[in-house]
Structures are given as structure tokens and as C-alpha cells.
Amino acid sequence: MAETVTVGLLIRLEAAPGREGDVENLLIQGLSAVQEEPKTTAWFGIRMGPSTFGIFDVFPDEDGRQAHLSGRVAQALADNPDFFAEQPNIEQIDVIRSKLPG
């Protein structure tokens, strides 16, 4: 049976002009970091437009979400403020229902 998820994050990232490739690469490299996080059940680096990117991820509980917020991907976002036209918009969400593999 698939693991239950109860909380998540929806993060919107607006790349600074000319930094779209940097943001995309940050997301590509982020996958290896989140694979080491046991409570990150699912993680998606997404592109929503020419300069708009995002992260959607889900966790079984608040502890998992908080561990992720202090993990390597969050640190990479903080370490590269020049990649972004504005501060990343981080929304903490509750998962009502989910369908996960397994």
C-alpha cells in the first residue's frame, strides 16, 4: 500500500531575466538531494512558463515537511537569490486526498 501524505509545499519561482537556465538546473540537481530525504514522499520540479518554475512536494506529516524546509534544496534557493526576480513564494498546503504509486 502507498504511503499516506497529509501535507505539502507549493513553491513558485520566478527566474530573473537571463537566469532561467540556472533555475532549471537548480531543479534538475535538486532531485538527488530530495532522494536522500526519507519523508519526502513525492517531489516535482516544474516549469509553468518561460521564466516561471515551481516545486510541488508532499510529506506524510509536518516533521517531514519541516525537515525538507531545512534541507539542501531550500538551502540552494537561499544561496542563489540572484537567480530569482523575486523571493520564492512558499505555500504550505494540506493534502485532502492523494493517489500515489504502490
N, C-alpha and C. Protein backbone atom coordinates (compact mmCIF):
# COMPACT_ATOMS: atom_id res chain seq x y z
N MET A 1 0.84 -1.18 0.00
CA MET A 1 0.00 0.00 0.00
C MET A 1 0.88 1.24 0.00
N ALA A 2 0.47 2.27 -0.74
CA ALA A 2 1.24 3.51 -0.83
C ALA A 2 1.19 4.26 0.50
N GLU A 3 2.26 4.98 0.77
CA GLU A 3 2.34 5.79 1.97
C GLU A 3 1.31 6.92 1.91
N THR A 4 0.72 7.24 3.04
CA THR A 4 -0.23 8.34 3.12
C THR A 4 0.52 9.66 3.23
N VAL A 5 0.03 10.67 2.54
CA VAL A 5 0.58 12.02 2.65
C VAL A 5 -0.50 12.93 3.21
N THR A 6 -0.09 13.86 4.06
CA THR A 6 -1.06 14.75 4.68
C THR A 6 -0.75 16.23 4.46
N VAL A 7 0.50 16.54 4.13
CA VAL A 7 0.90 17.94 3.95
C VAL A 7 1.83 18.06 2.75
N GLY A 8 1.97 19.30 2.27
CA GLY A 8 2.85 19.51 1.13
C GLY A 8 3.32 20.94 1.06
N LEU A 9 4.03 21.22 -0.02
CA LEU A 9 4.51 22.56 -0.32
C LEU A 9 4.26 22.84 -1.79
N LEU A 10 3.86 24.06 -2.07
CA LEU A 10 3.75 24.54 -3.44
C LEU A 10 4.58 25.82 -3.50
N ILE A 11 5.66 25.77 -4.25
CA ILE A 11 6.62 26.87 -4.29
C ILE A 11 6.69 27.41 -5.70
N ARG A 12 6.46 28.70 -5.83
CA ARG A 12 6.53 29.37 -7.14
C ARG A 12 7.85 30.13 -7.21
N LEU A 13 8.57 29.93 -8.31
CA LEU A 13 9.88 30.53 -8.52
C LEU A 13 9.86 31.33 -9.81
N GLU A 14 10.12 32.63 -9.73
CA GLU A 14 10.18 33.48 -10.92
C GLU A 14 11.64 33.79 -11.20
N ALA A 15 12.15 33.27 -12.31
CA ALA A 15 13.56 33.45 -12.66
C ALA A 15 13.83 34.90 -13.03
N ALA A 16 14.98 35.40 -12.62
CA ALA A 16 15.43 36.71 -13.06
C ALA A 16 15.73 36.64 -14.55
N PRO A 17 15.62 37.76 -15.27
CA PRO A 17 15.93 37.74 -16.70
C PRO A 17 17.32 37.16 -16.98
N GLY A 18 17.34 36.19 -17.89
CA GLY A 18 18.60 35.54 -18.25
C GLY A 18 19.03 34.43 -17.32
N ARG A 19 18.29 34.19 -16.23
CA ARG A 19 18.67 33.16 -15.26
C ARG A 19 17.78 31.91 -15.33
N GLU A 20 16.96 31.83 -16.37
CA GLU A 20 16.05 30.69 -16.49
C GLU A 20 16.79 29.36 -16.50
N GLY A 21 17.91 29.28 -17.20
CA GLY A 21 18.70 28.05 -17.24
C GLY A 21 19.26 27.69 -15.89
N ASP A 22 19.64 28.70 -15.10
CA ASP A 22 20.16 28.44 -13.76
C ASP A 22 19.08 27.85 -12.85
N VAL A 23 17.87 28.41 -12.94
CA VAL A 23 16.77 27.90 -12.12
C VAL A 23 16.42 26.48 -12.55
N GLU A 24 16.36 26.23 -13.85
CA GLU A 24 16.07 24.88 -14.34
C GLU A 24 17.13 23.89 -13.85
N ASN A 25 18.40 24.26 -13.93
CA ASN A 25 19.47 23.38 -13.46
C ASN A 25 19.39 23.15 -11.96
N LEU A 26 19.02 24.18 -11.20
CA LEU A 26 18.87 24.01 -9.75
C LEU A 26 17.82 22.95 -9.46
N LEU A 27 16.71 22.98 -10.21
CA LEU A 27 15.66 21.98 -10.02
C LEU A 27 16.12 20.59 -10.45
N ILE A 28 16.84 20.51 -11.54
CA ILE A 28 17.35 19.21 -12.01
C ILE A 28 18.27 18.62 -10.95
N GLN A 29 19.17 19.44 -10.43
CA GLN A 29 20.11 18.96 -9.41
C GLN A 29 19.42 18.68 -8.08
N GLY A 30 18.29 19.34 -7.83
CA GLY A 30 17.56 19.15 -6.58
C GLY A 30 17.03 17.75 -6.39
N LEU A 31 16.78 17.04 -7.48
CA LEU A 31 16.24 15.68 -7.36
C LEU A 31 17.14 14.78 -6.54
N SER A 32 18.45 14.83 -6.76
CA SER A 32 19.35 13.95 -6.00
C SER A 32 19.31 14.28 -4.51
N ALA A 33 19.13 15.56 -4.17
CA ALA A 33 19.06 15.96 -2.76
C ALA A 33 17.81 15.41 -2.10
N VAL A 34 16.66 15.52 -2.76
CA VAL A 34 15.42 15.06 -2.12
C VAL A 34 15.33 13.54 -2.09
N GLN A 35 16.06 12.85 -2.95
CA GLN A 35 16.07 11.39 -2.88
C GLN A 35 16.68 10.89 -1.58
N GLU A 36 17.46 11.74 -0.92
CA GLU A 36 18.07 11.38 0.36
C GLU A 36 17.17 11.72 1.55
N GLU A 37 16.01 12.31 1.30
CA GLU A 37 15.09 12.69 2.36
C GLU A 37 14.01 11.62 2.51
N PRO A 38 14.07 10.81 3.56
CA PRO A 38 13.14 9.70 3.68
C PRO A 38 11.67 10.10 3.78
N LYS A 39 11.38 11.30 4.26
CA LYS A 39 9.98 11.70 4.42
C LYS A 39 9.47 12.58 3.27
N THR A 40 10.27 12.76 2.23
CA THR A 40 9.75 13.44 1.04
C THR A 40 9.18 12.34 0.15
N THR A 41 7.86 12.19 0.21
CA THR A 41 7.19 11.09 -0.48
C THR A 41 7.19 11.29 -1.99
N ALA A 42 6.91 12.51 -2.43
CA ALA A 42 6.91 12.82 -3.86
C ALA A 42 7.40 14.25 -4.02
N TRP A 43 8.18 14.48 -5.08
CA TRP A 43 8.77 15.81 -5.34
C TRP A 43 8.76 16.04 -6.84
N PHE A 44 8.32 17.24 -7.24
CA PHE A 44 8.26 17.59 -8.64
C PHE A 44 8.88 18.97 -8.84
N GLY A 45 9.87 19.08 -9.70
CA GLY A 45 10.37 20.36 -10.18
C GLY A 45 9.63 20.64 -11.48
N ILE A 46 8.96 21.79 -11.57
CA ILE A 46 8.07 22.04 -12.71
C ILE A 46 8.38 23.39 -13.36
N ARG A 47 7.98 23.50 -14.62
CA ARG A 47 8.07 24.77 -15.36
C ARG A 47 6.66 25.15 -15.75
N MET A 48 6.25 26.39 -15.43
CA MET A 48 4.89 26.84 -15.71
C MET A 48 4.84 27.89 -16.80
N GLY A 49 5.98 28.36 -17.25
CA GLY A 49 6.05 29.37 -18.29
C GLY A 49 7.50 29.64 -18.62
N PRO A 50 7.77 30.59 -19.51
CA PRO A 50 9.15 30.85 -19.93
C PRO A 50 10.11 31.14 -18.78
N SER A 51 9.64 31.87 -17.76
CA SER A 51 10.52 32.20 -16.64
C SER A 51 9.93 31.81 -15.30
N THR A 52 8.82 31.07 -15.32
CA THR A 52 8.14 30.68 -14.09
C THR A 52 8.33 29.19 -13.85
N PHE A 53 8.86 28.87 -12.70
CA PHE A 53 9.13 27.49 -12.31
C PHE A 53 8.45 27.22 -10.97
N GLY A 54 8.52 25.98 -10.54
CA GLY A 54 7.94 25.68 -9.24
C GLY A 54 8.43 24.35 -8.71
N ILE A 55 8.06 24.12 -7.47
CA ILE A 55 8.30 22.85 -6.80
C ILE A 55 6.99 22.46 -6.13
N PHE A 56 6.59 21.22 -6.33
CA PHE A 56 5.45 20.67 -5.60
C PHE A 56 5.94 19.40 -4.95
N ASP A 57 5.75 19.29 -3.64
CA ASP A 57 6.16 18.08 -2.95
C ASP A 57 5.22 17.78 -1.80
N VAL A 58 5.19 16.51 -1.40
CA VAL A 58 4.27 16.06 -0.34
C VAL A 58 5.01 15.18 0.66
N PHE A 59 4.43 15.17 1.88
CA PHE A 59 5.07 14.51 3.01
C PHE A 59 4.01 13.80 3.86
N PRO A 60 4.41 12.78 4.61
CA PRO A 60 3.44 12.08 5.44
C PRO A 60 2.98 12.90 6.65
N ASP A 61 3.82 13.86 7.08
CA ASP A 61 3.49 14.61 8.28
C ASP A 61 4.28 15.92 8.33
N GLU A 62 3.97 16.72 9.33
CA GLU A 62 4.62 18.03 9.49
C GLU A 62 6.13 17.90 9.71
N ASP A 63 6.55 16.87 10.42
CA ASP A 63 8.00 16.67 10.64
C ASP A 63 8.74 16.51 9.31
N GLY A 64 8.14 15.78 8.37
CA GLY A 64 8.75 15.60 7.06
C GLY A 64 8.83 16.91 6.30
N ARG A 65 7.76 17.69 6.37
CA ARG A 65 7.75 18.97 5.68
C ARG A 65 8.82 19.90 6.26
N GLN A 66 8.91 19.96 7.58
CA GLN A 66 9.89 20.84 8.21
C GLN A 66 11.32 20.39 7.93
N ALA A 67 11.54 19.09 7.89
CA ALA A 67 12.88 18.57 7.55
C ALA A 67 13.26 19.01 6.13
N HIS A 68 12.30 18.95 5.23
CA HIS A 68 12.56 19.36 3.85
C HIS A 68 12.85 20.86 3.76
N LEU A 69 12.11 21.65 4.52
CA LEU A 69 12.31 23.10 4.50
C LEU A 69 13.68 23.52 5.03
N SER A 70 14.35 22.62 5.74
CA SER A 70 15.71 22.93 6.19
C SER A 70 16.74 22.06 5.48
N GLY A 71 16.34 21.48 4.35
CA GLY A 71 17.21 20.59 3.59
C GLY A 71 18.03 21.30 2.53
N ARG A 72 18.65 20.51 1.68
CA ARG A 72 19.60 21.02 0.68
C ARG A 72 18.95 21.85 -0.42
N VAL A 73 17.74 21.51 -0.85
CA VAL A 73 17.09 22.29 -1.90
C VAL A 73 16.73 23.68 -1.37
N ALA A 74 16.17 23.73 -0.16
CA ALA A 74 15.87 25.03 0.44
C ALA A 74 17.13 25.86 0.60
N GLN A 75 18.23 25.23 0.96
CA GLN A 75 19.49 25.94 1.10
C GLN A 75 19.99 26.46 -0.25
N ALA A 76 19.81 25.67 -1.30
CA ALA A 76 20.22 26.10 -2.64
C ALA A 76 19.41 27.31 -3.09
N LEU A 77 18.12 27.34 -2.77
CA LEU A 77 17.30 28.51 -3.11
C LEU A 77 17.81 29.74 -2.37
N ALA A 78 18.10 29.58 -1.08
CA ALA A 78 18.58 30.70 -0.27
C ALA A 78 19.97 31.17 -0.70
N ASP A 79 20.80 30.24 -1.16
CA ASP A 79 22.18 30.57 -1.53
C ASP A 79 22.29 31.26 -2.90
N ASN A 80 21.20 31.26 -3.66
CA ASN A 80 21.25 31.81 -5.02
C ASN A 80 20.16 32.86 -5.26
N PRO A 81 20.08 33.90 -4.44
CA PRO A 81 19.00 34.88 -4.61
C PRO A 81 19.05 35.60 -5.95
N ASP A 82 20.23 35.67 -6.56
CA ASP A 82 20.36 36.34 -7.86
C ASP A 82 19.71 35.57 -8.99
N PHE A 83 19.33 34.31 -8.77
CA PHE A 83 18.63 33.52 -9.78
C PHE A 83 17.18 33.99 -9.95
N PHE A 84 16.65 34.72 -8.96
CA PHE A 84 15.21 34.97 -8.91
C PHE A 84 14.87 36.45 -9.02
N ALA A 85 13.77 36.73 -9.73
CA ALA A 85 13.28 38.09 -9.89
C ALA A 85 12.61 38.57 -8.60
N GLU A 86 12.16 37.63 -7.80
CA GLU A 86 11.50 37.93 -6.52
C GLU A 86 11.72 36.75 -5.58
N GLN A 87 11.46 36.97 -4.31
CA GLN A 87 11.59 35.89 -3.33
C GLN A 87 10.69 34.71 -3.73
N PRO A 88 11.16 33.46 -3.58
CA PRO A 88 10.28 32.32 -3.84
C PRO A 88 9.03 32.41 -2.96
N ASN A 89 7.89 32.10 -3.55
CA ASN A 89 6.61 32.10 -2.83
C ASN A 89 6.35 30.68 -2.34
N ILE A 90 6.47 30.47 -1.05
CA ILE A 90 6.33 29.15 -0.45
C ILE A 90 4.97 29.05 0.24
N GLU A 91 4.12 28.16 -0.26
CA GLU A 91 2.81 27.92 0.34
C GLU A 91 2.80 26.55 0.99
N GLN A 92 2.44 26.51 2.26
CA GLN A 92 2.26 25.24 2.95
C GLN A 92 0.81 24.80 2.73
N ILE A 93 0.64 23.59 2.24
CA ILE A 93 -0.69 23.11 1.88
C ILE A 93 -1.02 21.84 2.67
N ASP A 94 -2.30 21.57 2.81
CA ASP A 94 -2.79 20.31 3.38
C ASP A 94 -3.28 19.45 2.22
N VAL A 95 -2.97 18.18 2.27
CA VAL A 95 -3.42 17.24 1.24
C VAL A 95 -4.73 16.63 1.69
N ILE A 96 -5.76 16.80 0.88
CA ILE A 96 -7.08 16.26 1.21
C ILE A 96 -7.17 14.79 0.80
N ARG A 97 -6.74 14.49 -0.41
CA ARG A 97 -6.72 13.11 -0.93
C ARG A 97 -5.54 12.99 -1.87
N SER A 98 -5.06 11.79 -2.07
CA SER A 98 -3.95 11.58 -2.98
C SER A 98 -4.02 10.20 -3.63
N LYS A 99 -3.36 10.07 -4.75
CA LYS A 99 -3.17 8.79 -5.42
C LYS A 99 -1.68 8.67 -5.68
N LEU A 100 -1.05 7.76 -5.01
CA LEU A 100 0.38 7.53 -5.15
C LEU A 100 0.63 6.11 -5.67
N PRO A 101 1.74 5.91 -6.37
CA PRO A 101 2.03 4.54 -6.82
C PRO A 101 2.30 3.62 -5.63
N GLY A 102 2.06 2.36 -5.85
CA GLY A 102 2.39 1.40 -4.79
C GLY A 102 1.28 0.65 -4.33
